[in-house]
Amino acid sequence: MMPQELEAVFDGTALQLEVPLNLAPGTRVRIIVESLLPNEVKPHKTFLQTAQSLKLQGKPDWSEKIDQYLYGETLSEQ
């Protein structure tokens, strides 16, 4: 597997990744922690940038039929 370079923020308890990992659950990894200087930290991403980075795939009518896709509901059942 190719190494992935990630950035994260330590919240006092755990590291919070800035992007999701493309790993199967249970995959063992090696982590090397290197602190970044404040001027090296990248600016926060907008919600749109984060959403686009997830590369989600879905049907074109997701926003119109969100309840149906999430809960299996149809208009006649509501």
PDB file of N, CA and C in Angstrom:
ATOM      1  N   MET A   1       0.846  -1.192   0.000  1.00  0.00           N
ATOM      2  CA  MET A   1       0.000   0.000   0.000  1.00  0.00           C
ATOM      3  C   MET A   1       0.881   1.242   0.000  1.00  0.00           C
ATOM      4  N   MET A   2       0.452   2.256  -0.740  1.00  0.00           N
ATOM      5  CA  MET A   2       1.192   3.523  -0.774  1.00  0.00           C
ATOM      6  C   MET A   2       0.921   4.311   0.497  1.00  0.00           C
ATOM      7  N   PRO A   3       1.939   4.964   1.020  1.00  0.00           N
ATOM      8  CA  PRO A   3       1.720   5.826   2.185  1.00  0.00           C
ATOM      9  C   PRO A   3       0.796   6.986   1.841  1.00  0.00           C
ATOM     10  N   GLN A   4      -0.009   7.378   2.808  1.00  0.00           N
ATOM     11  CA  GLN A   4      -0.886   8.532   2.654  1.00  0.00           C
ATOM     12  C   GLN A   4      -0.413   9.601   3.619  1.00  0.00           C
ATOM     13  N   GLU A   5      -0.281  10.815   3.147  1.00  0.00           N
ATOM     14  CA  GLU A   5       0.054  11.916   4.043  1.00  0.00           C
ATOM     15  C   GLU A   5      -1.245  12.612   4.407  1.00  0.00           C
ATOM     16  N   LEU A   6      -1.516  12.712   5.699  1.00  0.00           N
ATOM     17  CA  LEU A   6      -2.766  13.277   6.197  1.00  0.00           C
ATOM     18  C   LEU A   6      -2.468  14.420   7.140  1.00  0.00           C
ATOM     19  N   GLU A   7      -3.441  15.264   7.330  1.00  0.00           N
ATOM     20  CA  GLU A   7      -3.344  16.290   8.350  1.00  0.00           C
ATOM     21  C   GLU A   7      -4.518  16.113   9.290  1.00  0.00           C
ATOM     22  N   ALA A   8      -4.273  16.380  10.567  1.00  0.00           N
ATOM     23  CA  ALA A   8      -5.292  16.212  11.585  1.00  0.00           C
ATOM     24  C   ALA A   8      -5.095  17.270  12.656  1.00  0.00           C
ATOM     25  N   VAL A   9      -6.109  17.426  13.491  1.00  0.00           N
ATOM     26  CA  VAL A   9      -6.057  18.346  14.626  1.00  0.00           C
ATOM     27  C   VAL A   9      -6.274  17.515  15.881  1.00  0.00           C
ATOM     28  N   PHE A  10      -5.424  17.718  16.888  1.00  0.00           N
ATOM     29  CA  PHE A  10      -5.574  17.021  18.160  1.00  0.00           C
ATOM     30  C   PHE A  10      -6.533  17.817  19.018  1.00  0.00           C
ATOM     31  N   ASP A  11      -7.654  17.202  19.434  1.00  0.00           N
ATOM     32  CA  ASP A  11      -8.666  17.920  20.214  1.00  0.00           C
ATOM     33  C   ASP A  11      -8.480  17.776  21.723  1.00  0.00           C
ATOM     34  N   GLY A  12      -7.340  17.245  22.134  1.00  0.00           N
ATOM     35  CA  GLY A  12      -7.075  17.035  23.549  1.00  0.00           C
ATOM     36  C   GLY A  12      -7.264  15.577  23.945  1.00  0.00           C
ATOM     37  N   THR A  13      -7.959  14.821  23.106  1.00  0.00           N
ATOM     38  CA  THR A  13      -8.204  13.406  23.367  1.00  0.00           C
ATOM     39  C   THR A  13      -7.818  12.537  22.183  1.00  0.00           C
ATOM     40  N   ALA A  14      -8.204  12.968  20.999  1.00  0.00           N
ATOM     41  CA  ALA A  14      -7.979  12.145  19.801  1.00  0.00           C
ATOM     42  C   ALA A  14      -7.588  13.031  18.630  1.00  0.00           C
ATOM     43  N   LEU A  15      -7.029  12.416  17.603  1.00  0.00           N
ATOM     44  CA  LEU A  15      -6.717  13.134  16.366  1.00  0.00           C
ATOM     45  C   LEU A  15      -7.960  13.145  15.479  1.00  0.00           C
ATOM     46  N   GLN A  16      -8.336  14.315  15.015  1.00  0.00           N
ATOM     47  CA  GLN A  16      -9.483  14.469  14.122  1.00  0.00           C
ATOM     48  C   GLN A  16      -8.944  14.713  12.716  1.00  0.00           C
ATOM     49  N   LEU A  17      -9.128  13.747  11.815  1.00  0.00           N
ATOM     50  CA  LEU A  17      -8.609  13.856  10.458  1.00  0.00           C
ATOM     51  C   LEU A  17      -9.351  14.928   9.676  1.00  0.00           C
ATOM     52  N   GLU A  18      -8.631  15.595   8.785  1.00  0.00           N
ATOM     53  CA  GLU A  18      -9.250  16.625   7.953  1.00  0.00           C
ATOM     54  C   GLU A  18      -9.931  16.029   6.731  1.00  0.00           C
ATOM     55  N   VAL A  19      -9.549  14.832   6.336  1.00  0.00           N
ATOM     56  CA  VAL A  19     -10.192  14.131   5.217  1.00  0.00           C
ATOM     57  C   VAL A  19     -10.383  12.671   5.632  1.00  0.00           C
ATOM     58  N   PRO A  20     -11.393  12.005   5.091  1.00  0.00           N
ATOM     59  CA  PRO A  20     -11.600  10.606   5.456  1.00  0.00           C
ATOM     60  C   PRO A  20     -10.514   9.703   4.877  1.00  0.00           C
ATOM     61  N   LEU A  21     -10.268   8.597   5.547  1.00  0.00           N
ATOM     62  CA  LEU A  21      -9.307   7.611   5.075  1.00  0.00           C
ATOM     63  C   LEU A  21      -9.989   6.605   4.158  1.00  0.00           C
ATOM     64  N   ASN A  22      -9.268   6.149   3.167  1.00  0.00           N
ATOM     65  CA  ASN A  22      -9.786   5.131   2.274  1.00  0.00           C
ATOM     66  C   ASN A  22      -9.232   3.781   2.724  1.00  0.00           C
ATOM     67  N   LEU A  23      -9.668   3.335   3.915  1.00  0.00           N
ATOM     68  CA  LEU A  23      -9.199   2.084   4.500  1.00  0.00           C
ATOM     69  C   LEU A  23     -10.384   1.254   4.964  1.00  0.00           C
ATOM     70  N   ALA A  24     -10.242  -0.045   4.882  1.00  0.00           N
ATOM     71  CA  ALA A  24     -11.275  -0.937   5.398  1.00  0.00           C
ATOM     72  C   ALA A  24     -11.211  -0.951   6.928  1.00  0.00           C
ATOM     73  N   PRO A  25     -12.353  -1.103   7.604  1.00  0.00           N
ATOM     74  CA  PRO A  25     -12.339  -1.217   9.059  1.00  0.00           C
ATOM     75  C   PRO A  25     -11.430  -2.367   9.494  1.00  0.00           C
ATOM     76  N   GLY A  26     -10.683  -2.149  10.558  1.00  0.00           N
ATOM     77  CA  GLY A  26      -9.787  -3.169  11.079  1.00  0.00           C
ATOM     78  C   GLY A  26      -8.396  -3.160  10.456  1.00  0.00           C
ATOM     79  N   THR A  27      -8.159  -2.256   9.487  1.00  0.00           N
ATOM     80  CA  THR A  27      -6.843  -2.170   8.858  1.00  0.00           C
ATOM     81  C   THR A  27      -5.837  -1.603   9.861  1.00  0.00           C
ATOM     82  N   ARG A  28      -4.726  -2.292  10.032  1.00  0.00           N
ATOM     83  CA  ARG A  28      -3.670  -1.803  10.929  1.00  0.00           C
ATOM     84  C   ARG A  28      -2.826  -0.780  10.176  1.00  0.00           C
ATOM     85  N   VAL A  29      -2.464   0.299  10.858  1.00  0.00           N
ATOM     86  CA  VAL A  29      -1.671   1.359  10.245  1.00  0.00           C
ATOM     87  C   VAL A  29      -0.545   1.761  11.182  1.00  0.00           C
ATOM     88  N   ARG A  30       0.454   2.429  10.649  1.00  0.00           N
ATOM     89  CA  ARG A  30       1.534   3.008  11.452  1.00  0.00           C
ATOM     90  C   ARG A  30       1.375   4.526  11.350  1.00  0.00           C
ATOM     91  N   ILE A  31       1.418   5.194  12.486  1.00  0.00           N
ATOM     92  CA  ILE A  31       1.235   6.643  12.524  1.00  0.00           C
ATOM     93  C   ILE A  31       2.503   7.289  13.062  1.00  0.00           C
ATOM     94  N   ILE A  32       3.012   8.265  12.352  1.00  0.00           N
ATOM     95  CA  ILE A  32       4.140   9.072  12.804  1.00  0.00           C
ATOM     96  C   ILE A  32       3.604  10.488  12.966  1.00  0.00           C
ATOM     97  N   VAL A  33       3.728  11.045  14.148  1.00  0.00           N
ATOM     98  CA  VAL A  33       3.171  12.370  14.437  1.00  0.00           C
ATOM     99  C   VAL A  33       4.257  13.421  14.336  1.00  0.00           C
ATOM    100  N   GLU A  34       3.991  14.461  13.561  1.00  0.00           N
ATOM    101  CA  GLU A  34       4.902  15.589  13.411  1.00  0.00           C
ATOM    102  C   GLU A  34       4.079  16.857  13.572  1.00  0.00           C
ATOM    103  N   SER A  35       4.403  17.679  14.555  1.00  0.00           N
ATOM    104  CA  SER A  35       3.664  18.922  14.764  1.00  0.00           C
ATOM    105  C   SER A  35       3.985  19.916  13.665  1.00  0.00           C
ATOM    106  N   LEU A  36       2.959  20.641  13.226  1.00  0.00           N
ATOM    107  CA  LEU A  36       3.143  21.687  12.232  1.00  0.00           C
ATOM    108  C   LEU A  36       3.236  23.033  12.934  1.00  0.00           C
ATOM    109  N   LEU A  37       4.074  23.899  12.432  1.00  0.00           N
ATOM    110  CA  LEU A  37       4.124  25.256  12.953  1.00  0.00           C
ATOM    111  C   LEU A  37       2.846  25.978  12.526  1.00  0.00           C
ATOM    112  N   PRO A  38       2.389  26.952  13.317  1.00  0.00           N
ATOM    113  CA  PRO A  38       1.140  27.630  12.975  1.00  0.00           C
ATOM    114  C   PRO A  38       1.100  28.176  11.544  1.00  0.00           C
ATOM    115  N   ASN A  39       2.218  28.686  11.027  1.00  0.00           N
ATOM    116  CA  ASN A  39       2.187  29.241   9.675  1.00  0.00           C
ATOM    117  C   ASN A  39       2.174  28.145   8.605  1.00  0.00           C
ATOM    118  N   GLU A  40       2.358  26.872   8.996  1.00  0.00           N
ATOM    119  CA  GLU A  40       2.310  25.761   8.052  1.00  0.00           C
ATOM    120  C   GLU A  40       0.910  25.155   7.934  1.00  0.00           C
ATOM    121  N   VAL A  41       0.030  25.506   8.858  1.00  0.00           N
ATOM    122  CA  VAL A  41      -1.311  24.926   8.874  1.00  0.00           C
ATOM    123  C   VAL A  41      -2.122  25.484   7.705  1.00  0.00           C
ATOM    124  N   LYS A  42      -2.757  24.586   6.987  1.00  0.00           N
ATOM    125  CA  LYS A  42      -3.584  24.999   5.857  1.00  0.00           C
ATOM    126  C   LYS A  42      -4.858  25.662   6.370  1.00  0.00           C
ATOM    127  N   PRO A  43      -5.418  26.608   5.620  1.00  0.00           N
ATOM    128  CA  PRO A  43      -6.677  27.223   6.039  1.00  0.00           C
ATOM    129  C   PRO A  43      -7.795  26.178   6.052  1.00  0.00           C
ATOM    130  N   HIS A  44      -8.789  26.401   6.894  1.00  0.00           N
ATOM    131  CA  HIS A  44      -9.916  25.481   6.984  1.00  0.00           C
ATOM    132  C   HIS A  44     -10.647  25.402   5.652  1.00  0.00           C
ATOM    133  N   LYS A  45     -11.119  24.210   5.341  1.00  0.00           N
ATOM    134  CA  LYS A  45     -11.898  24.023   4.121  1.00  0.00           C
ATOM    135  C   LYS A  45     -13.334  24.460   4.367  1.00  0.00           C
ATOM    136  N   THR A  46     -13.993  24.901   3.313  1.00  0.00           N
ATOM    137  CA  THR A  46     -15.415  25.202   3.413  1.00  0.00           C
ATOM    138  C   THR A  46     -16.184  23.881   3.406  1.00  0.00           C
ATOM    139  N   PHE A  47     -17.446  23.920   3.765  1.00  0.00           N
ATOM    140  CA  PHE A  47     -18.279  22.717   3.724  1.00  0.00           C
ATOM    141  C   PHE A  47     -18.303  22.148   2.313  1.00  0.00           C
ATOM    142  N   LEU A  48     -18.430  23.018   1.310  1.00  0.00           N
ATOM    143  CA  LEU A  48     -18.485  22.555  -0.076  1.00  0.00           C
ATOM    144  C   LEU A  48     -17.186  21.845  -0.460  1.00  0.00           C
ATOM    145  N   GLN A  49     -16.042  22.397  -0.079  1.00  0.00           N
ATOM    146  CA  GLN A  49     -14.761  21.750  -0.381  1.00  0.00           C
ATOM    147  C   GLN A  49     -14.668  20.384   0.293  1.00  0.00           C
ATOM    148  N   THR A  50     -15.122  20.299   1.536  1.00  0.00           N
ATOM    149  CA  THR A  50     -15.106  19.018   2.246  1.00  0.00           C
ATOM    150  C   THR A  50     -16.039  18.026   1.563  1.00  0.00           C
ATOM    151  N   ALA A  51     -17.246  18.455   1.238  1.00  0.00           N
ATOM    152  CA  ALA A  51     -18.215  17.570   0.580  1.00  0.00           C
ATOM    153  C   ALA A  51     -17.667  17.078  -0.760  1.00  0.00           C
ATOM    154  N   GLN A  52     -17.047  17.962  -1.524  1.00  0.00           N
ATOM    155  CA  GLN A  52     -16.494  17.562  -2.817  1.00  0.00           C
ATOM    156  C   GLN A  52     -15.335  16.581  -2.644  1.00  0.00           C
ATOM    157  N   SER A  53     -14.556  16.737  -1.583  1.00  0.00           N
ATOM    158  CA  SER A  53     -13.413  15.848  -1.370  1.00  0.00           C
ATOM    159  C   SER A  53     -13.845  14.426  -1.028  1.00  0.00           C
ATOM    160  N   LEU A  54     -15.082  14.253  -0.561  1.00  0.00           N
ATOM    161  CA  LEU A  54     -15.583  12.923  -0.219  1.00  0.00           C
ATOM    162  C   LEU A  54     -15.901  12.094  -1.461  1.00  0.00           C
ATOM    163  N   LYS A  55     -16.075  12.766  -2.603  1.00  0.00           N
ATOM    164  CA  LYS A  55     -16.363  12.084  -3.868  1.00  0.00           C
ATOM    165  C   LYS A  55     -17.535  11.114  -3.743  1.00  0.00           C
ATOM    166  N   LEU A  56     -18.617  11.595  -3.122  1.00  0.00           N
ATOM    167  CA  LEU A  56     -19.804  10.769  -2.949  1.00  0.00           C
ATOM    168  C   LEU A  56     -20.492  10.532  -4.288  1.00  0.00           C
ATOM    169  N   GLN A  57     -21.034   9.347  -4.437  1.00  0.00           N
ATOM    170  CA  GLN A  57     -21.771   9.003  -5.647  1.00  0.00           C
ATOM    171  C   GLN A  57     -23.236   8.835  -5.274  1.00  0.00           C
ATOM    172  N   GLY A  58     -24.112   9.343  -6.086  1.00  0.00           N
ATOM    173  CA  GLY A  58     -25.533   9.193  -5.798  1.00  0.00           C
ATOM    174  C   GLY A  58     -26.382   9.552  -6.997  1.00  0.00           C
ATOM    175  N   LYS A  59     -27.669   9.347  -6.819  1.00  0.00           N
ATOM    176  CA  LYS A  59     -28.610   9.654  -7.893  1.00  0.00           C
ATOM    177  C   LYS A  59     -28.798  11.165  -7.985  1.00  0.00           C
ATOM    178  N   PRO A  60     -29.110  11.663  -9.187  1.00  0.00           N
ATOM    179  CA  PRO A  60     -29.252  13.111  -9.383  1.00  0.00           C
ATOM    180  C   PRO A  60     -30.378  13.740  -8.561  1.00  0.00           C
ATOM    181  N   ASP A  61     -31.351  12.944  -8.119  1.00  0.00           N
ATOM    182  CA  ASP A  61     -32.491  13.510  -7.385  1.00  0.00           C
ATOM    183  C   ASP A  61     -32.374  13.338  -5.865  1.00  0.00           C
ATOM    184  N   TRP A  62     -31.147  13.174  -5.365  1.00  0.00           N
ATOM    185  CA  TRP A  62     -30.953  13.011  -3.924  1.00  0.00           C
ATOM    186  C   TRP A  62     -31.659  14.080  -3.113  1.00  0.00           C
ATOM    187  N   SER A  63     -31.468  15.331  -3.474  1.00  0.00           N
ATOM    188  CA  SER A  63     -32.027  16.411  -2.659  1.00  0.00           C
ATOM    189  C   SER A  63     -33.551  16.421  -2.692  1.00  0.00           C
ATOM    190  N   GLU A  64     -34.145  15.944  -3.766  1.00  0.00           N
ATOM    191  CA  GLU A  64     -35.606  15.926  -3.875  1.00  0.00           C
ATOM    192  C   GLU A  64     -36.213  14.732  -3.138  1.00  0.00           C
ATOM    193  N   LYS A  65     -35.497  13.626  -3.056  1.00  0.00           N
ATOM    194  CA  LYS A  65     -36.046  12.390  -2.473  1.00  0.00           C
ATOM    195  C   LYS A  65     -35.194  11.898  -1.307  1.00  0.00           C
ATOM    196  N   ILE A  66     -34.657  12.822  -0.507  1.00  0.00           N
ATOM    197  CA  ILE A  66     -33.740  12.445   0.566  1.00  0.00           C
ATOM    198  C   ILE A  66     -34.370  11.481   1.558  1.00  0.00           C
ATOM    199  N   ASP A  67     -35.637  11.713   1.958  1.00  0.00           N
ATOM    200  CA  ASP A  67     -36.294  10.814   2.912  1.00  0.00           C
ATOM    201  C   ASP A  67     -36.449   9.413   2.343  1.00  0.00           C
ATOM    202  N   GLN A  68     -36.802   9.338   1.071  1.00  0.00           N
ATOM    203  CA  GLN A  68     -36.965   8.026   0.436  1.00  0.00           C
ATOM    204  C   GLN A  68     -35.651   7.266   0.439  1.00  0.00           C
ATOM    205  N   TYR A  69     -34.548   7.942   0.107  1.00  0.00           N
ATOM    206  CA  TYR A  69     -33.254   7.271   0.063  1.00  0.00           C
ATOM    207  C   TYR A  69     -32.728   6.936   1.456  1.00  0.00           C
ATOM    208  N   LEU A  70     -32.985   7.799   2.431  1.00  0.00           N
ATOM    209  CA  LEU A  70     -32.488   7.547   3.783  1.00  0.00           C
ATOM    210  C   LEU A  70     -33.338   6.540   4.546  1.00  0.00           C
ATOM    211  N   TYR A  71     -34.669   6.671   4.414  1.00  0.00           N
ATOM    212  CA  TYR A  71     -35.579   5.894   5.272  1.00  0.00           C
ATOM    213  C   TYR A  71     -36.466   4.925   4.506  1.00  0.00           C
ATOM    214  N   GLY A  72     -36.393   4.928   3.175  1.00  0.00           N
ATOM    215  CA  GLY A  72     -37.222   4.037   2.382  1.00  0.00           C
ATOM    216  C   GLY A  72     -38.673   4.467   2.290  1.00  0.00           C
ATOM    217  N   GLU A  73     -38.944   5.725   2.633  1.00  0.00           N
ATOM    218  CA  GLU A  73     -40.319   6.231   2.609  1.00  0.00           C
ATOM    219  C   GLU A  73     -40.674   6.700   1.209  1.00  0.00           C
ATOM    220  N   THR A  74     -41.935   6.551   0.880  1.00  0.00           N
ATOM    221  CA  THR A  74     -42.442   7.114  -0.370  1.00  0.00           C
ATOM    222  C   THR A  74     -43.468   8.177   0.000  1.00  0.00           C
ATOM    223  N   LEU A  75     -43.834   9.013  -0.950  1.00  0.00           N
ATOM    224  CA  LEU A  75     -44.794  10.086  -0.674  1.00  0.00           C
ATOM    225  C   LEU A  75     -46.130   9.541  -0.186  1.00  0.00           C
ATOM    226  N   SER A  76     -46.588   8.389  -0.679  1.00  0.00           N
ATOM    227  CA  SER A  76     -47.873   7.840  -0.280  1.00  0.00           C
ATOM    228  C   SER A  76     -47.857   7.335   1.167  1.00  0.00           C
ATOM    229  N   GLU A  77     -46.674   7.037   1.724  1.00  0.00           N
ATOM    230  CA  GLU A  77     -46.577   6.544   3.102  1.00  0.00           C
ATOM    231  C   GLU A  77     -46.558   7.660   4.127  1.00  0.00           C
ATOM    232  N   GLN A  78     -46.320   8.895   3.710  1.00  0.00           N
ATOM    233  CA  GLN A  78     -46.169  10.005   4.667  1.00  0.00           C
ATOM    234  C   GLN A  78     -47.479  10.540   5.133  1.00  0.00           C
TER     235      GLN A  78
END
